[in-house]
Amino acid sequence: MNIEDFVAVSAMPGIFKMVANRGNGLIIENIDTKKRKFAPARKHQFTPLASIGIYADIEEDTIELKEVFRSMLEKIEEFPPVSANSKPEEVTAYFDNVLPDWDKDRVYLNDIKKVIKWFTFLNDRNLLTLDTADEAKEEEETEEVAEEKKD
């Protein structure tokens, strides 16, 4: 699953693909229309999806958004995503099912709704996959780092 190229842009709804980085902003591409435009940094803030994490009640303290999306994708048959406009109880119950370790004190309802919207947006466009080759490569890299720390 590669979410490295996707960014959320303040004051612009949806997710965009980052095409190029300029000193004074980003060139972004609308995923649906493929139209590109310049988004100036003085007007917008950019949040790469790969840099987002969800607070968790585990040792690591956060779970990467990529891992949250992976869990949602793995459990999509059993627990299909609810609408982000559903009742708060339904939204949090869904999140409990797909990510049981999330920190209920530090993750707000609006955060969960954004994650659901982003997941639905990307999944509807077939941009999220459970790529086992990527997972194997990541596991290899993690094992190499762990071995280097032991030495």
N, C-alpha and C. Protein backbone atom coordinates (compact mmCIF):
# COMPACT_ATOMS: atom_id res chain seq x y z
N MET A 1 0.85 -1.17 0.00
CA MET A 1 0.00 0.00 0.00
C MET A 1 0.90 1.23 0.00
N ASN A 2 0.75 2.07 -1.00
CA ASN A 2 1.60 3.24 -1.12
C ASN A 2 0.76 4.50 -1.02
N ILE A 3 0.85 5.18 0.11
CA ILE A 3 0.14 6.44 0.27
C ILE A 3 1.12 7.61 0.32
N GLU A 4 2.35 7.35 -0.08
CA GLU A 4 3.42 8.35 -0.01
C GLU A 4 3.13 9.58 -0.87
N ASP A 5 2.47 9.41 -1.99
CA ASP A 5 2.27 10.51 -2.93
C ASP A 5 1.02 11.33 -2.67
N PHE A 6 0.22 10.95 -1.68
CA PHE A 6 -1.05 11.63 -1.45
C PHE A 6 -0.94 12.65 -0.32
N VAL A 7 -1.58 13.80 -0.53
CA VAL A 7 -1.57 14.87 0.48
C VAL A 7 -2.98 15.40 0.69
N ALA A 8 -3.20 15.84 1.92
CA ALA A 8 -4.41 16.60 2.24
C ALA A 8 -3.99 18.06 2.24
N VAL A 9 -4.81 18.90 1.62
CA VAL A 9 -4.47 20.32 1.49
C VAL A 9 -5.54 21.12 2.22
N SER A 10 -5.10 22.00 3.13
CA SER A 10 -6.06 22.80 3.88
C SER A 10 -6.85 23.68 2.92
N ALA A 11 -8.11 23.90 3.28
CA ALA A 11 -9.05 24.72 2.50
C ALA A 11 -9.40 24.11 1.14
N MET A 12 -9.05 22.85 0.94
CA MET A 12 -9.41 22.15 -0.30
C MET A 12 -9.91 20.76 0.09
N PRO A 13 -11.16 20.44 -0.25
CA PRO A 13 -11.69 19.13 0.14
C PRO A 13 -11.06 17.99 -0.67
N GLY A 14 -10.90 16.87 -0.02
CA GLY A 14 -10.42 15.68 -0.70
C GLY A 14 -8.94 15.43 -0.52
N ILE A 15 -8.46 14.49 -1.28
CA ILE A 15 -7.06 14.08 -1.28
C ILE A 15 -6.49 14.37 -2.65
N PHE A 16 -5.25 14.78 -2.69
CA PHE A 16 -4.59 15.11 -3.95
C PHE A 16 -3.30 14.32 -4.08
N LYS A 17 -2.87 14.15 -5.31
CA LYS A 17 -1.59 13.51 -5.57
C LYS A 17 -0.55 14.62 -5.72
N MET A 18 0.55 14.50 -5.00
CA MET A 18 1.62 15.48 -5.12
C MET A 18 2.43 15.16 -6.36
N VAL A 19 2.52 16.14 -7.27
CA VAL A 19 3.25 15.93 -8.51
C VAL A 19 4.66 16.48 -8.40
N ALA A 20 4.78 17.69 -7.86
CA ALA A 20 6.10 18.31 -7.72
C ALA A 20 6.11 19.24 -6.51
N ASN A 21 7.30 19.41 -5.98
CA ASN A 21 7.49 20.26 -4.82
C ASN A 21 8.25 21.50 -5.26
N ARG A 22 7.72 22.65 -4.99
CA ARG A 22 8.38 23.92 -5.29
C ARG A 22 8.72 24.60 -3.98
N GLY A 23 9.61 25.55 -4.01
CA GLY A 23 10.01 26.26 -2.81
C GLY A 23 8.87 27.02 -2.16
N ASN A 24 7.90 27.44 -2.96
CA ASN A 24 6.80 28.24 -2.43
C ASN A 24 5.45 27.53 -2.49
N GLY A 25 5.47 26.21 -2.63
CA GLY A 25 4.22 25.46 -2.64
C GLY A 25 4.37 24.12 -3.34
N LEU A 26 3.24 23.51 -3.66
CA LEU A 26 3.23 22.21 -4.32
C LEU A 26 2.40 22.27 -5.60
N ILE A 27 2.78 21.45 -6.55
CA ILE A 27 1.93 21.22 -7.70
C ILE A 27 1.18 19.93 -7.37
N ILE A 28 -0.15 20.03 -7.34
CA ILE A 28 -0.98 18.90 -6.96
C ILE A 28 -1.88 18.52 -8.12
N GLU A 29 -2.30 17.26 -8.11
CA GLU A 29 -3.14 16.74 -9.18
C GLU A 29 -4.43 16.21 -8.58
N ASN A 30 -5.55 16.63 -9.15
CA ASN A 30 -6.84 16.11 -8.74
C ASN A 30 -6.91 14.66 -9.21
N ILE A 31 -7.21 13.76 -8.30
CA ILE A 31 -7.17 12.33 -8.61
C ILE A 31 -8.22 11.94 -9.64
N ASP A 32 -9.38 12.60 -9.61
CA ASP A 32 -10.45 12.26 -10.54
C ASP A 32 -10.26 12.86 -11.92
N THR A 33 -9.97 14.15 -11.98
CA THR A 33 -9.91 14.85 -13.27
C THR A 33 -8.51 14.87 -13.87
N LYS A 34 -7.50 14.54 -13.07
CA LYS A 34 -6.09 14.57 -13.48
C LYS A 34 -5.61 15.99 -13.80
N LYS A 35 -6.39 16.99 -13.42
CA LYS A 35 -5.96 18.38 -13.63
C LYS A 35 -4.95 18.74 -12.56
N ARG A 36 -3.91 19.45 -12.99
CA ARG A 36 -2.87 19.88 -12.07
C ARG A 36 -3.01 21.36 -11.78
N LYS A 37 -2.62 21.73 -10.56
CA LYS A 37 -2.63 23.14 -10.21
C LYS A 37 -1.59 23.41 -9.15
N PHE A 38 -1.19 24.65 -9.07
CA PHE A 38 -0.22 25.06 -8.08
C PHE A 38 -0.96 25.50 -6.82
N ALA A 39 -0.55 24.98 -5.67
CA ALA A 39 -1.12 25.36 -4.39
C ALA A 39 -0.02 26.07 -3.60
N PRO A 40 -0.15 27.40 -3.42
CA PRO A 40 0.92 28.15 -2.73
C PRO A 40 0.98 27.84 -1.24
N ALA A 41 2.18 27.77 -0.72
CA ALA A 41 2.39 27.45 0.71
C ALA A 41 1.91 28.58 1.62
N ARG A 42 1.87 29.79 1.13
CA ARG A 42 1.42 30.89 2.00
C ARG A 42 -0.09 30.88 2.19
N LYS A 43 -0.79 30.13 1.34
CA LYS A 43 -2.25 30.04 1.45
C LYS A 43 -2.72 28.70 2.00
N HIS A 44 -1.93 27.65 1.82
CA HIS A 44 -2.35 26.30 2.19
C HIS A 44 -1.31 25.62 3.08
N GLN A 45 -1.81 24.68 3.86
CA GLN A 45 -0.93 23.78 4.60
C GLN A 45 -1.08 22.39 3.99
N PHE A 46 0.00 21.65 3.94
CA PHE A 46 0.01 20.34 3.30
C PHE A 46 0.32 19.27 4.33
N THR A 47 -0.46 18.20 4.28
CA THR A 47 -0.23 17.08 5.19
C THR A 47 -0.12 15.80 4.37
N PRO A 48 1.10 15.29 4.20
CA PRO A 48 1.24 14.01 3.51
C PRO A 48 0.56 12.91 4.32
N LEU A 49 -0.23 12.08 3.65
CA LEU A 49 -0.93 11.01 4.36
C LEU A 49 0.04 10.06 5.05
N ALA A 50 1.23 9.89 4.47
CA ALA A 50 2.21 8.98 5.05
C ALA A 50 2.72 9.48 6.40
N SER A 51 2.55 10.75 6.70
CA SER A 51 3.05 11.30 7.96
C SER A 51 2.01 11.29 9.07
N ILE A 52 0.81 10.82 8.77
CA ILE A 52 -0.27 10.85 9.75
C ILE A 52 -0.29 9.56 10.56
N GLY A 53 -0.55 9.71 11.85
CA GLY A 53 -0.68 8.55 12.73
C GLY A 53 -1.89 8.73 13.62
N ILE A 54 -2.44 7.64 14.08
CA ILE A 54 -3.58 7.65 14.99
C ILE A 54 -3.08 7.24 16.37
N TYR A 55 -3.40 8.04 17.37
CA TYR A 55 -2.99 7.71 18.73
C TYR A 55 -3.56 6.35 19.13
N ALA A 56 -2.72 5.59 19.85
CA ALA A 56 -3.12 4.24 20.23
C ALA A 56 -2.75 3.96 21.68
N ASP A 57 -3.41 2.97 22.24
CA ASP A 57 -3.14 2.51 23.60
C ASP A 57 -2.12 1.38 23.60
N ILE A 58 -1.08 1.53 22.80
CA ILE A 58 -0.05 0.50 22.72
C ILE A 58 1.31 1.15 22.96
N GLU A 59 2.35 0.33 23.02
CA GLU A 59 3.70 0.82 23.31
C GLU A 59 4.16 1.90 22.34
N GLU A 60 3.91 1.72 21.05
CA GLU A 60 4.41 2.65 20.04
C GLU A 60 3.72 4.01 20.12
N ASP A 61 2.59 4.11 20.76
CA ASP A 61 1.84 5.34 20.97
C ASP A 61 1.02 5.78 19.75
N THR A 62 1.47 5.50 18.54
CA THR A 62 0.68 5.82 17.35
C THR A 62 0.71 4.67 16.36
N ILE A 63 -0.32 4.63 15.54
CA ILE A 63 -0.40 3.65 14.46
C ILE A 63 -0.42 4.45 13.17
N GLU A 64 0.48 4.13 12.25
CA GLU A 64 0.55 4.85 10.98
C GLU A 64 -0.77 4.71 10.23
N LEU A 65 -1.11 5.76 9.48
CA LEU A 65 -2.34 5.76 8.71
C LEU A 65 -2.36 4.60 7.71
N LYS A 66 -1.19 4.26 7.19
CA LYS A 66 -1.09 3.14 6.25
C LYS A 66 -1.57 1.85 6.91
N GLU A 67 -1.21 1.66 8.19
CA GLU A 67 -1.63 0.47 8.92
C GLU A 67 -3.13 0.50 9.24
N VAL A 68 -3.64 1.69 9.50
CA VAL A 68 -5.08 1.83 9.74
C VAL A 68 -5.84 1.46 8.47
N PHE A 69 -5.39 2.00 7.32
CA PHE A 69 -6.02 1.68 6.04
C PHE A 69 -5.92 0.19 5.74
N ARG A 70 -4.77 -0.42 6.05
CA ARG A 70 -4.59 -1.86 5.81
C ARG A 70 -5.61 -2.65 6.63
N SER A 71 -5.78 -2.27 7.89
CA SER A 71 -6.75 -2.96 8.75
C SER A 71 -8.17 -2.78 8.21
N MET A 72 -8.49 -1.57 7.77
CA MET A 72 -9.82 -1.31 7.22
C MET A 72 -10.05 -2.13 5.96
N LEU A 73 -9.02 -2.25 5.13
CA LEU A 73 -9.13 -3.00 3.88
C LEU A 73 -9.26 -4.50 4.15
N GLU A 74 -8.51 -5.00 5.14
CA GLU A 74 -8.59 -6.43 5.47
C GLU A 74 -9.96 -6.80 6.02
N LYS A 75 -10.60 -5.87 6.72
CA LYS A 75 -11.88 -6.16 7.38
C LYS A 75 -13.07 -5.58 6.64
N ILE A 76 -12.88 -5.19 5.38
CA ILE A 76 -13.94 -4.51 4.63
C ILE A 76 -15.15 -5.40 4.39
N GLU A 77 -14.94 -6.71 4.24
CA GLU A 77 -16.06 -7.62 4.03
C GLU A 77 -16.89 -7.78 5.30
N GLU A 78 -16.18 -7.94 6.42
CA GLU A 78 -16.85 -8.15 7.70
C GLU A 78 -17.44 -6.85 8.26
N PHE A 79 -16.68 -5.76 8.11
CA PHE A 79 -17.12 -4.46 8.62
C PHE A 79 -16.98 -3.41 7.53
N PRO A 80 -17.99 -3.26 6.66
CA PRO A 80 -17.89 -2.24 5.62
C PRO A 80 -17.88 -0.85 6.26
N PRO A 81 -17.15 0.09 5.65
CA PRO A 81 -17.06 1.43 6.24
C PRO A 81 -18.44 2.08 6.37
N VAL A 82 -18.65 2.74 7.48
CA VAL A 82 -19.89 3.49 7.68
C VAL A 82 -19.71 4.85 7.02
N SER A 83 -20.81 5.52 6.80
CA SER A 83 -20.74 6.88 6.27
C SER A 83 -20.14 7.78 7.34
N ALA A 84 -19.34 8.74 6.91
CA ALA A 84 -18.76 9.69 7.86
C ALA A 84 -19.84 10.55 8.50
N ASN A 85 -21.02 10.57 7.89
CA ASN A 85 -22.13 11.37 8.43
C ASN A 85 -23.05 10.55 9.34
N SER A 86 -22.66 9.34 9.63
CA SER A 86 -23.46 8.48 10.52
C SER A 86 -23.45 9.03 11.93
N LYS A 87 -24.28 8.43 12.76
CA LYS A 87 -24.32 8.83 14.17
C LYS A 87 -22.95 8.58 14.81
N PRO A 88 -22.56 9.42 15.77
CA PRO A 88 -21.25 9.25 16.41
C PRO A 88 -21.03 7.86 16.99
N GLU A 89 -22.08 7.25 17.55
CA GLU A 89 -21.94 5.91 18.11
C GLU A 89 -21.59 4.88 17.04
N GLU A 90 -22.20 5.03 15.85
CA GLU A 90 -21.92 4.09 14.76
C GLU A 90 -20.50 4.26 14.25
N VAL A 91 -20.04 5.51 14.15
CA VAL A 91 -18.69 5.79 13.66
C VAL A 91 -17.66 5.21 14.63
N THR A 92 -17.82 5.46 15.92
CA THR A 92 -16.85 4.95 16.88
C THR A 92 -16.93 3.41 17.01
N ALA A 93 -18.12 2.85 16.86
CA ALA A 93 -18.25 1.39 16.90
C ALA A 93 -17.52 0.76 15.71
N TYR A 94 -17.64 1.38 14.54
CA TYR A 94 -16.93 0.88 13.36
C TYR A 94 -15.42 0.93 13.60
N PHE A 95 -14.95 2.06 14.13
CA PHE A 95 -13.51 2.22 14.37
C PHE A 95 -13.03 1.23 15.42
N ASP A 96 -13.84 0.93 16.42
CA ASP A 96 -13.51 -0.09 17.42
C ASP A 96 -13.30 -1.45 16.76
N ASN A 97 -14.11 -1.75 15.75
CA ASN A 97 -14.02 -3.04 15.08
C ASN A 97 -12.78 -3.16 14.21
N VAL A 98 -12.41 -2.08 13.51
CA VAL A 98 -11.27 -2.16 12.59
C VAL A 98 -9.95 -1.81 13.25
N LEU A 99 -9.99 -1.06 14.35
CA LEU A 99 -8.77 -0.65 15.04
C LEU A 99 -9.02 -0.62 16.55
N PRO A 100 -9.02 -1.78 17.18
CA PRO A 100 -9.41 -1.85 18.60
C PRO A 100 -8.46 -1.10 19.55
N ASP A 101 -7.23 -0.83 19.15
CA ASP A 101 -6.26 -0.21 20.04
C ASP A 101 -6.24 1.32 20.00
N TRP A 102 -7.18 1.95 19.30
CA TRP A 102 -7.12 3.41 19.19
C TRP A 102 -7.41 4.06 20.55
N ASP A 103 -6.78 5.20 20.78
CA ASP A 103 -6.90 5.90 22.06
C ASP A 103 -8.16 6.75 22.06
N LYS A 104 -9.13 6.33 22.83
CA LYS A 104 -10.44 7.00 22.84
C LYS A 104 -10.39 8.39 23.47
N ASP A 105 -9.33 8.70 24.22
CA ASP A 105 -9.20 10.02 24.84
C ASP A 105 -8.55 11.05 23.93
N ARG A 106 -7.66 10.60 23.05
CA ARG A 106 -6.91 11.55 22.23
C ARG A 106 -7.32 11.59 20.76
N VAL A 107 -8.12 10.63 20.31
CA VAL A 107 -8.60 10.63 18.93
C VAL A 107 -10.04 11.11 18.95
N TYR A 108 -10.29 12.19 18.25
CA TYR A 108 -11.61 12.81 18.25
C TYR A 108 -12.47 12.26 17.12
N LEU A 109 -13.77 12.47 17.25
CA LEU A 109 -14.73 12.01 16.26
C LEU A 109 -14.40 12.56 14.87
N ASN A 110 -14.04 13.84 14.80
CA ASN A 110 -13.70 14.44 13.50
C ASN A 110 -12.49 13.78 12.85
N ASP A 111 -11.54 13.34 13.67
CA ASP A 111 -10.37 12.62 13.14
C ASP A 111 -10.80 11.30 12.50
N ILE A 112 -11.67 10.58 13.20
CA ILE A 112 -12.16 9.30 12.68
C ILE A 112 -12.92 9.52 11.38
N LYS A 113 -13.75 10.55 11.34
CA LYS A 113 -14.52 10.84 10.14
C LYS A 113 -13.60 11.14 8.95
N LYS A 114 -12.52 11.89 9.19
CA LYS A 114 -11.55 12.17 8.11
C LYS A 114 -10.93 10.88 7.61
N VAL A 115 -10.52 10.01 8.53
CA VAL A 115 -9.91 8.74 8.14
C VAL A 115 -10.89 7.93 7.29
N ILE A 116 -12.14 7.87 7.70
CA ILE A 116 -13.15 7.12 6.95
C ILE A 116 -13.36 7.75 5.57
N LYS A 117 -13.46 9.07 5.51
CA LYS A 117 -13.63 9.75 4.22
C LYS A 117 -12.45 9.48 3.29
N TRP A 118 -11.23 9.61 3.82
CA TRP A 118 -10.05 9.37 3.01
C TRP A 118 -9.99 7.94 2.53
N PHE A 119 -10.27 6.99 3.42
CA PHE A 119 -10.26 5.58 3.05
C PHE A 119 -11.27 5.31 1.95
N THR A 120 -12.48 5.79 2.13
CA THR A 120 -13.54 5.58 1.14
C THR A 120 -13.16 6.19 -0.20
N PHE A 121 -12.63 7.41 -0.16
CA PHE A 121 -12.22 8.11 -1.38
C PHE A 121 -11.16 7.31 -2.14
N LEU A 122 -10.12 6.89 -1.44
CA LEU A 122 -9.03 6.15 -2.09
C LEU A 122 -9.45 4.74 -2.49
N ASN A 123 -10.23 4.07 -1.67
CA ASN A 123 -10.66 2.71 -1.97
C ASN A 123 -11.63 2.68 -3.16
N ASP A 124 -12.53 3.66 -3.24
CA ASP A 124 -13.46 3.72 -4.37
C ASP A 124 -12.73 3.88 -5.70
N ARG A 125 -11.54 4.43 -5.68
CA ARG A 125 -10.75 4.65 -6.89
C ARG A 125 -9.68 3.57 -7.06
N ASN A 126 -9.78 2.50 -6.27
CA ASN A 126 -8.85 1.37 -6.33
C ASN A 126 -7.39 1.79 -6.14
N LEU A 127 -7.16 2.75 -5.25
CA LEU A 127 -5.81 3.21 -4.98
C LEU A 127 -5.20 2.55 -3.73
N LEU A 128 -5.99 1.73 -3.06
CA LEU A 128 -5.51 1.01 -1.89
C LEU A 128 -5.52 -0.48 -2.21
N THR A 129 -4.39 -1.13 -1.96
CA THR A 129 -4.30 -2.57 -2.18
C THR A 129 -3.55 -3.21 -1.04
N LEU A 130 -3.81 -4.47 -0.84
CA LEU A 130 -3.04 -5.26 0.13
C LEU A 130 -1.91 -5.92 -0.65
N ASP A 131 -0.87 -5.18 -0.93
CA ASP A 131 0.25 -5.66 -1.73
C ASP A 131 1.21 -6.44 -0.86
N THR A 132 1.24 -7.75 -1.03
CA THR A 132 2.09 -8.59 -0.20
C THR A 132 3.57 -8.38 -0.50
N ALA A 133 3.93 -7.98 -1.71
CA ALA A 133 5.33 -7.72 -2.04
C ALA A 133 5.85 -6.54 -1.23
N ASP A 134 5.04 -5.49 -1.11
CA ASP A 134 5.43 -4.33 -0.30
C ASP A 134 5.58 -4.73 1.16
N GLU A 135 4.66 -5.55 1.66
CA GLU A 135 4.71 -5.98 3.06
C GLU A 135 5.97 -6.79 3.33
N ALA A 136 6.31 -7.69 2.42
CA ALA A 136 7.50 -8.52 2.61
C ALA A 136 8.76 -7.65 2.62
N LYS A 137 8.80 -6.66 1.74
CA LYS A 137 9.95 -5.75 1.69
C LYS A 137 10.06 -4.95 2.99
N GLU A 138 8.93 -4.45 3.49
CA GLU A 138 8.93 -3.68 4.74
C GLU A 138 9.38 -4.56 5.91
N GLU A 139 8.92 -5.81 5.96
CA GLU A 139 9.31 -6.71 7.03
C GLU A 139 10.80 -6.98 6.98
N GLU A 140 11.34 -7.16 5.76
CA GLU A 140 12.77 -7.38 5.59
C GLU A 140 13.57 -6.21 6.13
N GLU A 141 13.14 -4.98 5.76
CA GLU A 141 13.83 -3.78 6.22
C GLU A 141 13.76 -3.66 7.74
N THR A 142 12.62 -3.98 8.32
CA THR A 142 12.47 -3.91 9.77
C THR A 142 13.39 -4.92 10.45
N GLU A 143 13.49 -6.11 9.89
CA GLU A 143 14.37 -7.13 10.47
C GLU A 143 15.83 -6.71 10.37
N GLU A 144 16.22 -6.09 9.24
CA GLU A 144 17.60 -5.63 9.07
C GLU A 144 17.95 -4.57 10.10
N VAL A 145 17.03 -3.64 10.33
CA VAL A 145 17.25 -2.58 11.31
C VAL A 145 17.37 -3.18 12.71
N ALA A 146 16.52 -4.15 13.02
CA ALA A 146 16.56 -4.81 14.33
C ALA A 146 17.90 -5.54 14.53
N GLU A 147 18.39 -6.19 13.49
CA GLU A 147 19.67 -6.90 13.59
C GLU A 147 20.83 -5.92 13.77
N GLU A 148 20.78 -4.76 13.10
CA GLU A 148 21.83 -3.76 13.24
C GLU A 148 21.85 -3.21 14.66
N LYS A 149 20.70 -3.05 15.27
CA LYS A 149 20.64 -2.54 16.65
C LYS A 149 21.23 -3.54 17.64
N LYS A 150 21.07 -4.83 17.35
CA LYS A 150 21.61 -5.87 18.23
C LYS A 150 23.14 -5.84 18.24
N ASP A 151 23.73 -5.55 17.08
CA ASP A 151 25.21 -5.57 16.96
C ASP A 151 25.82 -4.40 17.59
